[in-house]
Amino acid sequence: MKKIFINIGLFIGLSSMFLLNSCKEDIVPVVDQLSFSRDFTPVGLSSVISNVTTVTLSWSPVKNTDHYILETYNGTDFIESALIQTDTIPALPGTVNVMSLLFVLPAGDTQFSTRIKAVSSLTGVEDSKWASTTYKSGSENLFTNYASELSGLNACTVRWKPGSAATALLFVNGTTETSYPITAGEMAAGVKVLTSIPNAKYEVRLMNGTFVRGKRNLALEGNVMLASGDNLLTAITVANPGDVILLPQGGTFVFTGNAIINKSIKIRAIYNTNLPTLYVASGASTTAPMFLIDPALTPSDSIVFQNVTITGYINNNSPEGMITGVYDQGTANACNIGTLRFEGCVLSHFSRHLIRLRGTATQYINNFIVNNCTLFDYSTNSTSYGIISSNTATGTINNITFSNSTIYNFLSYLVLYSNNTASTSIVVKNCTLNQITYTTGSTSRYIIDANATILSSGITIQNCIFGSTAAAHTNGVRTSATLTISNSYRTTDYDDSFTPATSIMSSLTAYSGASTALWVDPLTTHDFHFLDAGFVGKSSTGDPRWRP
């Protein structure tokens, strides 16, 4: 049976060959007479994204084509409402292997589709069917690397990449959206100044028609704008709880010390350059602080200073002496406040401390935060105090945080916090420290002394650089809590081995040179940019303002 099938197959094959051979002479005339009612569809349509929003479309040309029509849509559906662009591209003469079209898309991080058809150059031939491709523009945020900021009472300045196609800024606060058109001049400059904007926390969107080209958060705040020389204490007195007092660049504000703050308040400069200066008037006591915390404040309250210089020099004049610190609660001044915060401030020239809790009254601060600040010249009158100082059982600073800050020339402790039985954490992160416990006295001082203090989350030191110490009078960290140190360095002129048991030197990565070899000028101009360009920690340690 199998053999019969093979023979039959052979017979059919031979018959086919005969038929093909016998018809060969008639094939060419038939093909020459073929005609087509529709143009051929372009093949090989592809898309390539470059420079985030530039697309290059390429396809193989079709014979006897007059031109090509390309339609670009937002999304993947070819519906009229999504059409954003139509291009007509003439066919090129001669032999061309690939045709292409390059254009800029209206936004990044967006799905687009393009379809193409060929329009014949022959009479009576219909357009080809469509060929299509889909693609997504690259991620973009045109606000990146451009600062936007509060610029006055109910005013702000928004910046983005100059020259980028944009039609409006959309301010979004919850369900409320307000659009502010961008002029041609503003688009070219990449900046728009806005006024009469209600105070709120906004997501600002850079719009190009209905497309979003960038997003950023921007908070507008401020209830009153003071002029240089205005009475700051009066402004605090008449403010409502939670108000924000705005100060101008370069202004000066002098007032009587030992002033009580009795409400939630934020005192800030508009900008973070040419900071206004706060100081107490002539005649102030050198044994008194600048402020006291009113006992009526509660854990939901906060006192915040932002973008200001606070100096301990009386009358901003060093010969008149220094006050003790910004806060000093005294022996009988109870307090119970949620947050004390310094943000973007310069805090200097205090004879003892930044804050001190002491005495028999119950004094409680949940969060004490110093971020993006510069601190120097502390404990010049007495080395018995820390920048943060509390050594009584009735004083609690539940969470202490120093972050993104530069701290130098402090003669005593960074943190003196002993004898507390119920606290949470001490964190020192992304900080540059130099001239540490920098006293010529023979009495040693700890960088952090948490003796007999219970810290449920321990002490964390991360991404810090420890520079010079004075003589051999520095101790490291005294604590019974968990101590975690990571990605932190010490220079060769750092030595905390006075009390070996508390030294942290073995937990710090040793840099091969002194502080003067690592930083540009750590002693005179206090420029902590990196002199040693080969320092391996230059991009990840120390105060970020000094990093390349």
Protein backbone atom coordinates (compact mmCIF):
# COMPACT_ATOMS: atom_id res chain seq x y z
CA MET A 1 0.00 0.00 0.00
CA LYS A 2 2.79 2.36 0.88
CA LYS A 3 4.46 1.75 -2.48
CA ILE A 4 1.30 2.62 -4.40
CA PHE A 5 1.11 6.05 -2.64
CA ILE A 6 4.69 6.80 -3.58
CA ASN A 7 4.07 6.08 -7.26
CA ILE A 8 0.92 8.14 -7.30
CA GLY A 9 2.87 11.04 -5.80
CA LEU A 10 5.55 10.66 -8.42
CA PHE A 11 2.95 10.71 -11.20
CA ILE A 12 1.36 13.88 -9.85
CA GLY A 13 4.72 15.58 -9.52
CA LEU A 14 5.67 14.78 -13.12
CA SER A 15 2.31 15.97 -14.35
CA SER A 16 2.78 19.26 -12.50
CA MET A 17 6.19 19.80 -14.03
CA PHE A 18 4.72 19.21 -17.46
CA LEU A 19 1.93 21.65 -16.93
CA LEU A 20 4.26 24.33 -15.59
CA ASN A 21 6.66 23.93 -18.46
CA SER A 22 3.90 24.00 -21.02
CA CYS A 23 2.44 27.27 -19.60
CA LYS A 24 5.70 29.13 -19.08
CA GLU A 25 5.48 31.28 -22.19
CA ASP A 26 2.07 32.74 -21.17
CA ILE A 27 3.03 34.02 -17.63
CA VAL A 28 4.77 37.30 -18.50
CA PRO A 29 1.96 38.79 -20.59
CA VAL A 30 -0.55 38.04 -17.78
CA VAL A 31 1.57 39.74 -15.08
CA ASP A 32 2.14 42.76 -17.27
CA GLN A 33 -1.57 43.26 -17.47
CA LEU A 34 -2.18 43.13 -13.65
CA SER A 35 -3.59 46.30 -12.04
CA PHE A 36 -4.20 47.18 -8.33
CA SER A 37 -7.07 49.16 -6.89
CA ARG A 38 -5.18 50.07 -3.63
CA ASP A 39 -1.64 51.26 -2.94
CA PHE A 40 0.67 48.96 -0.97
CA THR A 41 0.86 49.54 2.81
CA PRO A 42 4.24 50.88 4.02
CA VAL A 43 6.17 48.20 5.87
CA GLY A 44 8.78 48.29 8.62
CA LEU A 45 7.27 51.25 10.49
CA SER A 46 9.35 51.73 13.65
CA SER A 47 9.78 54.33 16.38
CA VAL A 48 12.84 55.36 18.38
CA ILE A 49 12.76 57.77 21.36
CA SER A 50 15.72 60.05 22.07
CA ASN A 51 16.24 63.03 24.37
CA VAL A 52 13.13 62.04 26.35
CA THR A 53 10.54 63.52 23.98
CA THR A 54 12.03 63.29 20.48
CA VAL A 55 10.66 60.47 18.31
CA THR A 56 12.07 59.25 15.00
CA LEU A 57 9.63 57.29 12.83
CA SER A 58 11.06 55.18 9.99
CA TRP A 59 9.47 53.05 7.25
CA SER A 60 10.26 51.45 3.89
CA PRO A 61 9.03 53.47 0.88
CA VAL A 62 6.36 52.17 -1.48
CA LYS A 63 6.64 52.29 -5.30
CA ASN A 64 4.33 54.67 -7.17
CA THR A 65 3.53 56.68 -4.02
CA ASP A 66 2.95 60.42 -4.18
CA HIS A 67 3.06 61.07 -0.43
CA TYR A 68 2.55 59.55 3.00
CA ILE A 69 0.13 60.62 5.71
CA LEU A 70 1.11 60.06 9.34
CA GLU A 71 -1.28 60.61 12.25
CA THR A 72 -0.03 60.69 15.84
CA TYR A 73 -2.37 60.02 18.76
CA ASN A 74 -2.25 60.30 22.52
CA GLY A 75 -2.62 56.74 23.80
CA THR A 76 -3.18 53.61 21.80
CA ASP A 77 -6.64 54.27 20.35
CA PHE A 78 -6.94 55.87 16.92
CA ILE A 79 -9.89 58.10 17.74
CA GLU A 80 -10.40 61.67 16.62
CA SER A 81 -10.37 63.15 20.13
CA ALA A 82 -6.89 61.70 20.74
CA LEU A 83 -5.34 63.01 17.50
CA ILE A 84 -2.52 65.45 18.29
CA GLN A 85 -0.62 65.75 15.01
CA THR A 86 -0.95 65.04 11.29
CA ASP A 87 2.05 65.08 8.94
CA THR A 88 2.13 64.86 5.13
CA ILE A 89 5.48 63.66 3.81
CA PRO A 90 6.20 63.74 0.05
CA ALA A 91 7.68 60.59 -1.46
CA LEU A 92 11.35 60.98 -2.30
CA PRO A 93 12.49 60.62 -5.93
CA GLY A 94 14.91 57.94 -6.94
CA THR A 95 15.86 54.83 -5.03
CA VAL A 96 15.44 55.27 -1.28
CA ASN A 97 15.63 52.38 1.17
CA VAL A 98 14.26 54.11 4.28
CA MET A 99 12.20 57.23 4.93
CA SER A 100 11.94 58.90 8.33
CA LEU A 101 10.22 61.67 10.23
CA LEU A 102 11.57 63.29 13.41
CA PHE A 103 9.56 65.52 15.73
CA VAL A 104 9.21 66.51 19.39
CA LEU A 105 6.34 65.04 21.39
CA PRO A 106 4.30 67.29 23.67
CA ALA A 107 5.24 65.53 26.93
CA GLY A 108 7.37 62.87 28.54
CA ASP A 109 6.32 59.65 30.25
CA THR A 110 3.31 59.35 27.92
CA GLN A 111 2.04 56.61 25.60
CA PHE A 112 1.67 57.61 21.93
CA SER A 113 0.72 55.85 18.70
CA THR A 114 1.39 56.76 15.06
CA ARG A 115 -0.20 55.27 11.98
CA ILE A 116 0.87 55.71 8.34
CA LYS A 117 -0.68 55.20 4.93
CA ALA A 118 0.60 55.68 1.39
CA VAL A 119 -1.24 57.84 -1.18
CA SER A 120 -0.63 56.58 -4.72
CA SER A 121 0.67 58.69 -7.58
CA LEU A 122 -1.39 56.60 -10.03
CA THR A 123 -4.88 57.61 -11.11
CA GLY A 124 -7.74 55.57 -9.70
CA VAL A 125 -5.63 53.81 -7.04
CA GLU A 126 -6.94 54.06 -3.48
CA ASP A 127 -4.82 54.93 -0.46
CA SER A 128 -3.11 52.03 1.26
CA LYS A 129 -4.30 50.49 4.45
CA TRP A 130 -2.84 51.87 7.69
CA ALA A 131 0.29 50.54 9.39
CA SER A 132 0.91 51.57 13.01
CA THR A 133 3.42 51.65 15.86
CA THR A 134 3.11 52.49 19.56
CA TYR A 135 5.77 54.00 21.81
CA LYS A 136 6.25 55.82 25.09
CA SER A 137 8.23 59.02 25.60
CA GLY A 138 10.92 58.99 28.28
CA SER A 139 10.35 60.11 31.84
CA GLU A 140 10.69 63.84 32.37
CA ASN A 141 10.23 66.43 35.06
CA LEU A 142 11.16 69.86 33.76
CA PHE A 143 11.21 71.21 37.33
CA THR A 144 14.27 69.08 38.15
CA ASN A 145 17.34 71.22 39.01
CA TYR A 146 15.26 74.42 38.96
CA ALA A 147 14.28 75.98 42.30
CA SER A 148 10.78 77.19 43.00
CA GLU A 149 10.11 79.11 46.18
CA LEU A 150 7.95 81.31 48.30
CA SER A 151 8.77 84.89 47.30
CA GLY A 152 6.46 87.00 49.44
CA LEU A 153 3.15 87.07 51.22
CA ASN A 154 0.84 84.95 49.01
CA ALA A 155 3.48 85.01 46.29
CA CYS A 156 5.85 82.52 44.75
CA THR A 157 8.35 82.09 41.92
CA VAL A 158 8.20 78.91 39.85
CA ARG A 159 11.09 77.86 37.60
CA TRP A 160 11.52 75.12 34.99
CA LYS A 161 13.76 74.29 32.03
CA PRO A 162 13.87 77.43 29.87
CA GLY A 163 12.48 77.21 26.37
CA SER A 164 10.40 74.11 27.02
CA ALA A 165 6.95 74.05 25.43
CA ALA A 166 4.45 74.87 28.17
CA THR A 167 1.10 76.61 28.31
CA ALA A 168 0.17 76.88 32.00
CA LEU A 169 0.99 76.13 35.62
CA LEU A 170 -1.69 74.12 37.37
CA PHE A 171 -1.84 74.51 41.16
CA VAL A 172 -3.54 71.49 42.73
CA ASN A 173 -4.70 71.41 46.34
CA GLY A 174 -6.94 68.44 46.99
CA THR A 175 -9.85 68.71 44.57
CA THR A 176 -9.17 72.39 43.85
CA GLU A 177 -7.24 73.08 40.64
CA THR A 178 -6.30 76.57 39.48
CA SER A 179 -4.58 77.24 36.15
CA TYR A 180 -2.23 80.18 35.52
CA PRO A 181 -1.34 80.75 31.83
CA ILE A 182 2.30 80.96 30.77
CA THR A 183 3.24 83.71 28.33
CA ALA A 184 5.71 83.29 25.49
CA GLY A 185 8.28 85.31 27.43
CA GLU A 186 7.82 83.23 30.56
CA MET A 187 8.13 80.03 28.54
CA ALA A 188 11.40 81.23 27.01
CA ALA A 189 12.80 82.26 30.41
CA GLY A 190 11.47 79.23 32.26
CA VAL A 191 10.14 81.34 35.14
CA LYS A 192 6.83 82.74 36.30
CA VAL A 193 6.18 84.98 39.31
CA LEU A 194 2.74 84.57 40.82
CA THR A 195 0.92 86.74 43.36
CA SER A 196 -2.37 86.55 45.26
CA ILE A 197 -2.03 82.80 45.69
CA PRO A 198 -3.91 81.44 48.73
CA ASN A 199 -1.78 79.80 51.41
CA ALA A 200 -1.78 76.02 50.98
CA LYS A 201 0.36 73.03 50.15
CA TYR A 202 0.25 72.57 46.38
CA GLU A 203 1.29 70.11 43.77
CA VAL A 204 2.37 72.36 40.91
CA ARG A 205 2.11 70.85 37.43
CA LEU A 206 3.77 72.25 34.32
CA MET A 207 1.21 71.84 31.56
CA ASN A 208 1.51 71.75 27.79
CA GLY A 209 -2.13 71.74 26.79
CA THR A 210 -3.50 68.65 28.51
CA PHE A 211 -0.05 67.09 28.94
CA VAL A 212 1.91 67.21 32.21
CA ARG A 213 5.61 67.99 31.75
CA GLY A 214 6.61 68.19 35.39
CA LYS A 215 5.39 68.06 38.96
CA ARG A 216 6.71 69.54 42.18
CA ASN A 217 5.45 70.33 45.65
CA LEU A 218 5.32 73.93 46.83
CA ALA A 219 4.01 75.29 50.10
CA LEU A 220 2.76 78.86 50.37
CA GLU A 221 2.57 80.15 53.91
CA GLY A 222 2.70 83.38 55.82
CA ASN A 223 0.22 85.47 57.78
CA VAL A 224 2.24 88.64 58.17
CA MET A 225 5.34 90.10 56.52
CA LEU A 226 7.61 92.15 58.76
CA ALA A 227 10.03 94.84 57.69
CA SER A 228 13.57 94.97 58.98
CA GLY A 229 13.59 96.49 62.47
CA ASP A 230 9.96 95.63 63.27
CA ASN A 231 9.23 94.31 66.74
CA LEU A 232 9.31 90.53 66.46
CA LEU A 233 7.96 89.94 69.97
CA THR A 234 4.93 92.09 69.24
CA ALA A 235 4.32 90.13 66.06
CA ILE A 236 4.43 86.90 68.07
CA THR A 237 2.06 88.32 70.68
CA VAL A 238 -0.62 89.36 68.19
CA ALA A 239 -0.29 86.26 66.00
CA ASN A 240 -2.83 83.49 66.11
CA PRO A 241 -1.67 79.99 67.09
CA GLY A 242 -0.16 78.31 64.07
CA ASP A 243 0.64 81.56 62.25
CA VAL A 244 3.73 82.00 60.09
CA ILE A 245 5.71 85.24 60.42
CA LEU A 246 7.74 86.13 57.32
CA LEU A 247 11.01 88.06 57.49
CA PRO A 248 12.85 89.82 54.64
CA GLN A 249 16.32 89.06 53.36
CA GLY A 250 19.10 90.76 55.29
CA GLY A 251 16.77 92.22 57.92
CA THR A 252 17.70 92.67 61.58
CA PHE A 253 15.38 92.01 64.51
CA VAL A 254 16.42 92.99 68.01
CA PHE A 255 14.33 92.38 71.12
CA THR A 256 14.47 91.80 74.86
CA GLY A 257 15.73 88.36 75.84
CA ASN A 258 14.14 85.79 78.12
CA ALA A 259 10.96 86.19 76.06
CA ILE A 260 8.16 83.66 76.46
CA ILE A 261 6.67 81.99 73.39
CA ASN A 262 3.13 80.94 74.28
CA LYS A 263 1.72 79.53 71.03
CA SER A 264 2.56 77.43 68.01
CA ILE A 265 4.47 79.72 65.69
CA LYS A 266 6.79 79.59 62.70
CA ILE A 267 9.28 82.37 62.09
CA ARG A 268 11.00 82.20 58.74
CA ALA A 269 12.74 84.19 56.07
CA ILE A 270 11.38 84.09 52.56
CA TYR A 271 14.68 83.02 51.02
CA ASN A 272 17.56 80.83 52.18
CA THR A 273 20.27 83.37 51.26
CA ASN A 274 21.24 86.66 52.94
CA LEU A 275 19.44 85.52 56.07
CA PRO A 276 17.84 87.97 58.50
CA THR A 277 19.47 88.13 61.95
CA LEU A 278 17.79 87.77 65.33
CA TYR A 279 19.52 88.96 68.52
CA VAL A 280 18.79 90.43 71.94
CA ALA A 281 19.24 94.10 72.81
CA SER A 282 22.00 95.76 74.81
CA GLY A 283 21.72 95.26 78.54
CA ALA A 284 20.58 91.64 78.28
CA SER A 285 21.80 89.29 80.99
CA THR A 286 24.68 87.02 80.06
CA THR A 287 23.09 84.33 82.23
CA ALA A 288 19.73 84.34 80.43
CA PRO A 289 18.54 82.74 77.18
CA MET A 290 16.72 84.24 74.23
CA PHE A 291 13.41 82.39 74.70
CA LEU A 292 11.38 80.37 77.19
CA ILE A 293 8.71 77.83 76.30
CA ASP A 294 5.34 78.60 77.87
CA PRO A 295 3.94 75.73 79.99
CA ALA A 296 0.55 76.19 78.31
CA LEU A 297 1.84 74.70 75.06
CA THR A 298 0.84 71.10 74.31
CA PRO A 299 2.27 68.09 72.43
CA SER A 300 0.37 69.24 69.33
CA ASP A 301 2.23 72.56 69.32
CA SER A 302 5.50 73.48 67.64
CA ILE A 303 7.98 76.34 67.44
CA VAL A 304 9.92 76.53 64.18
CA PHE A 305 12.69 78.84 63.00
CA GLN A 306 13.60 78.63 59.31
CA ASN A 307 16.19 80.45 57.18
CA VAL A 308 17.30 82.82 59.94
CA THR A 309 20.57 83.63 61.68
CA ILE A 310 20.27 83.55 65.46
CA THR A 311 23.30 84.92 67.26
CA GLY A 312 24.02 84.85 70.95
CA TYR A 313 26.06 88.06 70.80
CA ILE A 314 24.21 90.73 72.74
CA ASN A 315 23.30 93.58 70.39
CA ASN A 316 25.01 91.48 67.70
CA ASN A 317 28.25 92.84 69.12
CA SER A 318 30.83 90.46 70.58
CA PRO A 319 32.29 92.91 73.18
CA GLU A 320 28.89 93.07 74.89
CA GLY A 321 29.04 89.36 75.66
CA MET A 322 26.87 86.35 74.93
CA ILE A 323 23.59 85.01 76.19
CA THR A 324 23.48 81.39 77.30
CA GLY A 325 21.41 79.88 74.49
CA VAL A 326 18.23 80.02 72.45
CA TYR A 327 16.18 78.08 75.01
CA ASP A 328 16.82 77.56 78.72
CA GLN A 329 13.82 76.44 80.72
CA GLY A 330 15.20 77.27 84.13
CA THR A 331 14.60 75.32 87.30
CA ALA A 332 10.89 76.00 87.67
CA ASN A 333 9.74 76.43 84.06
CA ALA A 334 7.67 73.43 83.07
CA CYS A 335 6.97 72.69 79.39
CA ASN A 336 5.26 70.04 77.29
CA ILE A 337 5.64 70.69 73.56
CA GLY A 338 5.55 68.54 70.46
CA THR A 339 8.35 69.96 68.30
CA LEU A 340 11.16 72.48 68.43
CA ARG A 341 12.74 72.77 64.98
CA PHE A 342 15.55 74.73 63.33
CA GLU A 343 15.59 74.48 59.54
CA GLY A 344 18.21 76.14 57.32
CA CYS A 345 19.49 78.34 60.16
CA VAL A 346 22.85 79.67 61.33
CA LEU A 347 23.02 79.24 65.12
CA SER A 348 26.15 80.57 66.79
CA HIS A 349 27.95 82.37 69.62
CA PHE A 350 26.25 80.96 72.69
CA SER A 351 28.15 80.77 75.94
CA ARG A 352 26.59 77.45 76.92
CA HIS A 353 24.04 75.66 74.74
CA LEU A 354 21.35 75.74 72.07
CA ILE A 355 18.76 74.33 74.49
CA ARG A 356 18.88 73.34 78.13
CA LEU A 357 16.40 71.54 80.35
CA ARG A 358 17.06 71.67 84.08
CA GLY A 359 15.56 71.87 87.55
CA THR A 360 12.69 70.06 89.20
CA ALA A 361 9.79 71.08 86.93
CA THR A 362 8.61 68.50 84.40
CA GLN A 363 9.99 69.54 81.03
CA TYR A 364 9.09 67.51 77.95
CA ILE A 365 9.94 67.98 74.26
CA ASN A 366 8.88 65.21 71.92
CA ASN A 367 11.04 66.16 68.91
CA PHE A 368 14.06 68.44 68.81
CA ILE A 369 15.23 68.79 65.20
CA VAL A 370 18.18 70.60 63.68
CA ASN A 371 18.26 70.21 59.89
CA ASN A 372 20.33 71.91 57.20
CA CYS A 373 21.89 74.26 59.74
CA THR A 374 25.32 75.60 60.61
CA LEU A 375 26.29 75.66 64.31
CA PHE A 376 29.48 77.02 65.83
CA ASP A 377 30.97 78.65 68.93
CA TYR A 378 29.30 76.90 71.84
CA SER A 379 30.24 76.50 75.51
CA THR A 380 32.75 79.33 75.39
CA ASN A 381 31.83 80.35 78.94
CA SER A 382 31.65 76.87 80.44
CA THR A 383 32.40 73.43 79.07
CA SER A 384 29.88 71.82 81.40
CA TYR A 385 27.08 72.08 78.83
CA GLY A 386 26.19 70.42 75.57
CA ILE A 387 24.75 72.03 72.47
CA ILE A 388 21.77 70.04 73.66
CA SER A 389 21.90 69.85 77.43
CA SER A 390 19.64 68.00 79.84
CA ASN A 391 20.89 66.05 82.82
CA THR A 392 17.92 65.83 85.16
CA ALA A 393 15.39 63.02 85.50
CA THR A 394 12.53 65.48 84.97
CA GLY A 395 13.82 66.67 81.60
CA THR A 396 12.89 64.67 78.47
CA ILE A 397 13.80 65.24 74.84
CA ASN A 398 12.24 62.16 73.35
CA ASN A 399 13.82 62.33 69.89
CA ILE A 400 16.95 64.33 69.09
CA THR A 401 17.97 64.75 65.44
CA PHE A 402 20.90 66.54 63.81
CA SER A 403 20.80 66.13 60.02
CA ASN A 404 22.42 67.68 56.94
CA SER A 405 24.30 70.15 59.12
CA THR A 406 27.79 71.52 59.75
CA ILE A 407 28.90 71.78 63.38
CA TYR A 408 32.26 73.13 64.48
CA ASN A 409 34.13 74.79 67.32
CA PHE A 410 32.02 73.45 70.15
CA LEU A 411 34.04 73.25 73.31
CA SER A 412 31.97 70.69 75.11
CA TYR A 413 29.34 68.04 74.35
CA LEU A 414 27.32 67.80 71.19
CA VAL A 415 24.61 66.10 73.26
CA LEU A 416 24.60 65.92 77.05
CA TYR A 417 21.50 63.91 77.89
CA SER A 418 21.72 61.86 81.05
CA ASN A 419 19.47 60.40 83.74
CA ASN A 420 16.32 60.04 81.64
CA THR A 421 14.42 56.78 81.84
CA ALA A 422 12.01 56.99 78.92
CA SER A 423 13.31 58.40 75.64
CA THR A 424 13.45 57.10 72.09
CA SER A 425 16.40 58.15 69.93
CA ILE A 426 19.41 60.31 69.14
CA VAL A 427 20.24 60.57 65.43
CA VAL A 428 23.22 62.31 63.82
CA LYS A 429 23.00 61.91 60.05
CA ASN A 430 24.76 63.52 57.07
CA CYS A 431 26.74 65.92 59.24
CA THR A 432 30.20 67.49 59.06
CA LEU A 433 31.87 67.99 62.46
CA ASN A 434 35.17 69.70 63.23
CA GLN A 435 36.93 71.27 66.22
CA ILE A 436 35.03 68.77 68.35
CA THR A 437 34.98 69.26 72.14
CA TYR A 438 37.61 71.82 71.29
CA THR A 439 38.77 72.89 74.69
CA THR A 440 42.30 73.31 75.96
CA GLY A 441 41.13 72.42 79.46
CA SER A 442 42.15 69.16 81.00
CA THR A 443 38.61 67.93 81.66
CA SER A 444 37.45 65.49 79.03
CA ARG A 445 34.07 65.76 77.33
CA TYR A 446 31.96 63.26 75.43
CA ILE A 447 30.68 63.91 71.94
CA ILE A 448 27.43 62.26 73.04
CA ASP A 449 26.84 61.48 76.68
CA ALA A 450 23.65 59.52 77.25
CA ASN A 451 24.75 58.10 80.58
CA ALA A 452 21.88 56.44 82.50
CA THR A 453 19.42 57.42 79.77
CA ILE A 454 17.17 54.76 78.25
CA LEU A 455 16.81 55.16 74.48
CA SER A 456 14.45 52.55 73.09
CA SER A 457 15.68 53.07 69.50
CA GLY A 458 19.26 53.76 70.46
CA ILE A 459 21.82 56.16 68.97
CA THR A 460 22.43 56.31 65.20
CA ILE A 461 25.39 57.97 63.48
CA GLN A 462 25.23 57.74 59.70
CA ASN A 463 27.08 59.34 56.76
CA CYS A 464 29.09 61.69 58.99
CA ILE A 465 32.66 62.99 58.96
CA PHE A 466 34.49 63.67 62.23
CA GLY A 467 37.39 66.10 61.98
CA SER A 468 39.80 67.53 64.50
CA THR A 469 39.56 67.26 68.26
CA ALA A 470 41.56 69.19 70.88
CA ALA A 471 44.55 67.63 72.54
CA ALA A 472 43.57 64.30 74.15
CA HIS A 473 40.47 65.51 75.94
CA THR A 474 37.74 64.02 73.78
CA ASN A 475 35.63 61.00 74.60
CA GLY A 476 33.38 59.24 72.13
CA VAL A 477 29.85 58.10 72.95
CA ARG A 478 28.74 56.98 76.40
CA THR A 479 25.54 54.95 76.37
CA SER A 480 24.03 51.65 77.42
CA ALA A 481 21.65 51.80 74.45
CA THR A 482 22.27 50.32 71.02
CA LEU A 483 24.85 52.37 69.09
CA THR A 484 24.75 52.06 65.29
CA ILE A 485 27.45 53.75 63.19
CA SER A 486 27.56 53.42 59.41
CA ASN A 487 29.37 55.00 56.44
CA SER A 488 31.17 57.54 58.61
CA TYR A 489 34.79 58.73 58.56
CA ARG A 490 37.43 60.26 60.84
CA THR A 491 40.51 62.28 59.98
CA THR A 492 43.93 61.63 61.50
CA ASP A 493 43.54 64.60 63.88
CA TYR A 494 40.42 63.07 65.39
CA ASP A 495 41.11 61.32 68.69
CA ASP A 496 38.44 60.26 71.18
CA SER A 497 40.58 57.73 73.04
CA PHE A 498 40.78 59.65 76.34
CA THR A 499 38.36 57.08 77.73
CA PRO A 500 38.97 54.02 75.54
CA ALA A 501 35.75 52.26 76.51
CA THR A 502 33.65 54.97 74.88
CA SER A 503 35.77 55.53 71.77
CA ILE A 504 34.02 55.19 68.41
CA MET A 505 37.24 55.31 66.39
CA SER A 506 37.09 51.64 65.45
CA SER A 507 33.59 52.14 64.02
CA LEU A 508 34.69 55.06 61.82
CA THR A 509 36.56 54.57 58.55
CA ALA A 510 40.01 56.14 58.85
CA TYR A 511 40.86 58.84 56.31
CA SER A 512 44.58 58.98 55.56
CA GLY A 513 45.07 62.69 56.26
CA ALA A 514 44.23 65.48 58.66
CA SER A 515 41.15 67.68 58.48
CA THR A 516 43.18 70.35 56.71
CA ALA A 517 44.04 67.85 53.97
CA LEU A 518 40.45 66.75 53.53
CA TRP A 519 38.68 70.14 53.47
CA VAL A 520 39.49 73.41 51.72
CA ASP A 521 39.74 75.60 54.84
CA PRO A 522 38.18 74.10 57.96
CA LEU A 523 39.76 76.54 60.45
CA THR A 524 39.64 80.08 59.05
CA THR A 525 36.86 80.48 56.52
CA HIS A 526 35.24 77.17 57.50
CA ASP A 527 34.95 76.02 53.93
CA PHE A 528 34.28 72.28 54.10
CA HIS A 529 34.25 71.61 50.38
CA PHE A 530 36.57 68.71 49.65
CA LEU A 531 40.18 69.65 48.98
CA ASP A 532 40.98 65.98 48.41
CA ALA A 533 39.10 65.13 45.23
CA GLY A 534 40.06 61.49 45.68
CA PHE A 535 38.26 61.06 49.00
CA VAL A 536 36.04 58.02 48.50
CA GLY A 537 33.27 59.35 50.75
CA LYS A 538 32.94 62.72 49.06
CA SER A 539 29.59 61.94 47.43
CA SER A 540 27.92 60.16 50.32
CA THR A 541 29.17 61.56 53.63
CA GLY A 542 29.14 64.80 55.53
CA ASP A 543 26.79 67.75 55.15
CA PRO A 544 25.35 67.50 51.59
CA ARG A 545 25.98 71.21 50.95
CA TRP A 546 29.71 70.44 50.65
CA ARG A 547 29.42 67.43 48.35
CA PRO A 548 30.35 67.69 44.66
